[in-house]
């Protein structure tokens, strides 16, 4: 049975999120690591995604705020 996710329930590629401390990260995609049960979301610092690479569990969005899409 597939899990039904609503927007903001998990990191999705292309989204921009703000951390509880005010940092901005863009979701670049997913990465599977050996020995990890969950897939990891690849985040990059900055709204443009040009900063350093950070890995987080794909559904670890507690207290993070999804930023509105820029037109």
Protein backbone atom coordinates (compact mmCIF):
# COMPACT_ATOMS: atom_id res chain seq x y z
CA UNK A 1 0.00 0.00 0.00
CA UNK A 2 1.38 3.40 -1.03
CA UNK A 3 1.73 6.20 1.49
CA UNK A 4 -0.31 9.31 0.66
CA UNK A 5 1.81 12.43 1.28
CA UNK A 6 0.45 15.95 1.38
CA UNK A 7 2.56 18.92 0.30
CA UNK A 8 4.84 19.78 3.22
CA UNK A 9 4.87 16.27 4.75
CA UNK A 10 8.30 15.41 3.29
CA UNK A 11 11.12 16.96 1.29
CA UNK A 12 10.36 16.96 -2.46
CA UNK A 13 12.90 17.90 -5.19
CA UNK A 14 12.74 21.57 -6.16
CA UNK A 15 11.20 22.78 -2.90
CA UNK A 16 12.77 25.48 -0.72
CA UNK A 17 12.54 25.06 3.08
CA UNK A 18 13.39 27.28 6.04
CA UNK A 19 14.88 25.72 9.19
CA UNK A 20 13.67 26.61 12.70
CA UNK A 21 16.83 28.76 13.06
CA UNK A 22 16.16 30.64 9.79
CA UNK A 23 18.47 28.83 7.37
CA UNK A 24 17.27 28.31 3.77
CA UNK A 25 17.77 25.02 1.90
CA UNK A 26 16.75 23.78 -1.56
CA UNK A 27 15.88 20.09 -2.03
CA UNK A 28 17.96 18.68 -4.90
CA UNK A 29 16.83 15.03 -4.84
CA UNK A 30 17.24 11.76 -2.96
CA UNK A 31 20.17 9.49 -2.14
CA UNK A 32 20.20 5.94 -0.76
CA UNK A 33 23.00 5.18 1.70
CA UNK A 34 24.02 1.61 2.55
CA UNK A 35 23.07 0.74 6.11
CA UNK A 36 20.37 3.40 6.33
CA UNK A 37 16.74 2.30 6.50
CA UNK A 38 15.35 5.56 5.12
CA UNK A 39 16.34 7.33 1.95
CA UNK A 40 18.08 10.65 2.45
CA UNK A 41 17.02 13.98 0.94
CA UNK A 42 19.89 15.93 -0.60
CA UNK A 43 19.62 19.58 0.46
CA UNK A 44 21.82 22.48 -0.59
CA UNK A 45 22.21 25.72 1.36
CA UNK A 46 20.53 28.77 -0.18
CA UNK A 47 17.36 29.35 -2.18
CA UNK A 48 19.32 28.77 -5.40
CA UNK A 49 20.91 25.56 -4.09
CA UNK A 50 24.48 26.77 -4.69
CA UNK A 51 25.76 26.12 -1.15
CA UNK A 52 27.13 23.11 0.66
CA UNK A 53 25.45 19.71 0.53
CA UNK A 54 23.45 18.42 3.52
CA UNK A 55 21.71 15.04 3.93
CA UNK A 56 18.55 14.62 6.04
CA UNK A 57 15.93 11.89 6.32
CA UNK A 58 13.40 12.46 3.52
CA UNK A 59 10.51 12.97 5.99
CA UNK A 60 12.36 14.88 8.75
CA UNK A 61 10.51 18.20 8.30
CA UNK A 62 9.36 18.82 11.89
CA UNK A 63 9.39 22.59 12.62
CA UNK A 64 10.68 23.35 9.10
CA UNK A 65 8.61 25.76 6.97
CA UNK A 66 7.99 25.19 3.26
CA UNK A 67 8.64 28.45 1.39
CA UNK A 68 6.18 29.59 -1.30
CA UNK A 69 7.27 28.96 -4.90
CA UNK A 70 8.96 31.91 -6.60
CA UNK A 71 7.28 32.88 -9.88
